[in-house]
Amino acid sequence: MVMERTAVNPWTWSAALGYDQGVLVSGVTRTLHCAGQTAVDGEGRPRHAGDVAAQLALALDNLESVLGGAGMGLGDLVRLVVHTTDVDRLLEHHCMLASRLPAAGGAPATTVLGVTRLALPDLLVELEATAAA
């Protein structure tokens, strides 16, 4: 059985931002639910304090590593939730998501949430994701 992804976009504006309003998935044989990925190194130490762009890039790298461990990639994402302590600063760097995810073959249903803080005080961005293959 081959996985099929169908974008569900009653409106076209979200596609220009690099995500779909919904993703209908059929033929799935595996689903991966990822814990929130942040800008931490291999020892779990926060990196890039105060730098939203660098934290977003490292969180994406870490998410890609988790996906890779399951034989998946960014193109297999069907849902992405971005938690941030500063929505305005995150949106300044949204182009990173809007280019990197479609370049990998995906445009997951995405939500951005502003939160008071994340698990560790220096963290500004956390990516929570679901992938299917």
Protein backbone atom coordinates (compact mmCIF):
# COMPACT_ATOMS: atom_id res chain seq x y z
CA MET A 1 0.00 0.00 0.00
CA VAL A 2 1.39 3.41 -0.94
CA MET A 3 0.80 6.46 1.23
CA GLU A 4 -1.14 9.21 -0.50
CA ARG A 5 -1.23 12.82 0.70
CA THR A 6 -3.97 15.16 -0.41
CA ALA A 7 -3.78 18.83 0.45
CA VAL A 8 -7.03 20.27 1.81
CA ASN A 9 -7.04 24.02 1.21
CA PRO A 10 -10.44 25.70 0.99
CA TRP A 11 -8.41 28.92 0.64
CA THR A 12 -5.14 29.47 -1.21
CA TRP A 13 -3.35 31.90 1.12
CA SER A 14 -1.75 29.26 3.35
CA ALA A 15 -0.02 27.52 0.44
CA ALA A 16 1.92 30.74 -0.18
CA LEU A 17 3.16 30.50 3.43
CA GLY A 18 4.35 26.93 2.93
CA TYR A 19 1.65 24.93 4.67
CA ASP A 20 -1.69 23.30 4.02
CA GLN A 21 -4.86 23.83 6.05
CA GLY A 22 -5.27 20.08 6.22
CA VAL A 23 -3.51 16.96 4.99
CA LEU A 24 -5.60 13.92 4.17
CA VAL A 25 -3.42 10.82 4.47
CA SER A 26 -4.36 7.37 3.24
CA GLY A 27 -2.42 4.16 2.76
CA VAL A 28 -0.30 4.83 5.86
CA THR A 29 1.61 1.94 7.32
CA ARG A 30 3.56 3.90 9.94
CA THR A 31 2.83 7.01 12.03
CA LEU A 32 5.45 8.76 14.14
CA HIS A 33 4.40 11.10 16.96
CA CYS A 34 7.40 13.25 17.86
CA ALA A 35 8.03 14.86 21.22
CA GLY A 36 8.66 18.59 21.08
CA GLN A 37 12.07 19.29 19.54
CA THR A 38 14.05 22.32 20.67
CA ALA A 39 17.44 23.94 20.20
CA VAL A 40 19.45 21.57 22.37
CA ASP A 41 22.70 19.75 21.69
CA GLY A 42 23.27 16.00 21.94
CA GLU A 43 23.56 16.30 25.73
CA GLY A 44 20.26 18.18 26.08
CA ARG A 45 21.89 21.55 26.76
CA PRO A 46 20.10 24.62 25.33
CA ARG A 47 21.92 26.45 22.52
CA HIS A 48 21.64 29.90 20.93
CA ALA A 49 20.08 31.83 23.84
CA GLY A 50 18.12 34.81 22.56
CA ASP A 51 18.49 33.87 18.86
CA VAL A 52 15.14 32.76 17.45
CA ALA A 53 16.51 32.06 13.94
CA ALA A 54 19.32 29.84 15.21
CA GLN A 55 16.98 28.04 17.62
CA LEU A 56 14.42 27.42 14.87
CA ALA A 57 17.13 26.02 12.59
CA LEU A 58 18.51 23.70 15.30
CA ALA A 59 15.03 22.57 16.35
CA LEU A 60 14.35 21.67 12.70
CA ASP A 61 17.66 19.81 12.52
CA ASN A 62 16.76 17.92 15.70
CA LEU A 63 13.29 17.11 14.35
CA GLU A 64 14.89 15.85 11.16
CA SER A 65 17.16 13.60 13.24
CA VAL A 66 14.19 12.05 15.06
CA LEU A 67 12.42 11.52 11.75
CA GLY A 68 15.57 9.97 10.29
CA GLY A 69 15.69 7.53 13.18
CA ALA A 70 12.34 6.21 11.98
CA GLY A 71 13.39 6.14 8.33
CA MET A 72 11.41 9.30 7.59
CA GLY A 73 12.17 12.89 6.63
CA LEU A 74 10.67 16.37 6.73
CA GLY A 75 8.62 15.47 3.66
CA ASP A 76 6.71 12.92 5.75
CA LEU A 77 5.39 15.51 8.20
CA VAL A 78 1.61 15.77 8.20
CA ARG A 79 1.22 17.99 11.29
CA LEU A 80 3.54 20.60 12.82
CA VAL A 81 2.86 22.69 15.91
CA VAL A 82 5.31 25.53 16.54
CA HIS A 83 5.41 26.75 20.14
CA THR A 84 7.26 30.01 20.73
CA THR A 85 7.72 32.52 23.51
CA ASP A 86 7.76 35.35 20.95
CA VAL A 87 5.42 34.99 17.96
CA ASP A 88 6.52 38.27 16.34
CA ARG A 89 10.21 37.30 16.38
CA LEU A 90 9.38 33.81 15.11
CA LEU A 91 7.36 35.21 12.20
CA GLU A 92 10.39 37.27 11.16
CA HIS A 93 12.07 33.92 10.43
CA HIS A 94 9.04 32.05 9.11
CA CYS A 95 10.72 31.90 5.70
CA MET A 96 12.94 29.15 7.11
CA LEU A 97 9.89 26.92 7.58
CA ALA A 98 8.21 28.15 4.39
CA SER A 99 11.24 27.16 2.32
CA ARG A 100 12.75 24.17 4.09
CA LEU A 101 9.58 22.09 4.49
CA PRO A 102 8.31 22.38 0.88
CA ALA A 103 11.87 21.81 -0.38
CA ALA A 104 11.74 18.46 1.44
CA GLY A 105 8.44 17.64 -0.27
CA GLY A 106 6.05 18.54 2.52
CA ALA A 107 3.60 21.22 3.54
CA PRO A 108 2.22 19.91 6.84
CA ALA A 109 -0.87 21.31 8.50
CA THR A 110 0.75 23.88 10.80
CA THR A 111 -0.19 25.87 13.87
CA VAL A 112 1.89 28.56 15.61
CA LEU A 113 1.23 29.08 19.32
CA GLY A 114 2.56 31.76 21.63
CA VAL A 115 3.41 30.42 25.09
CA THR A 116 4.64 32.01 28.31
CA ARG A 117 7.74 29.83 28.46
CA LEU A 118 9.09 26.46 27.41
CA ALA A 119 10.62 23.71 29.58
CA LEU A 120 13.99 25.47 29.90
CA PRO A 121 14.19 29.26 30.32
CA ASP A 122 16.60 29.88 27.38
CA LEU A 123 14.41 28.04 24.87
CA LEU A 124 12.34 30.21 22.51
CA VAL A 125 11.04 27.63 19.99
CA GLU A 126 9.70 24.07 20.23
CA LEU A 127 8.47 21.96 17.31
CA GLU A 128 5.91 19.22 17.90
CA ALA A 129 5.21 17.00 14.90
CA THR A 130 3.43 14.00 13.46
CA ALA A 131 4.77 12.13 10.43
CA ALA A 132 3.25 9.37 8.35
CA ALA A 133 4.69 7.00 5.77
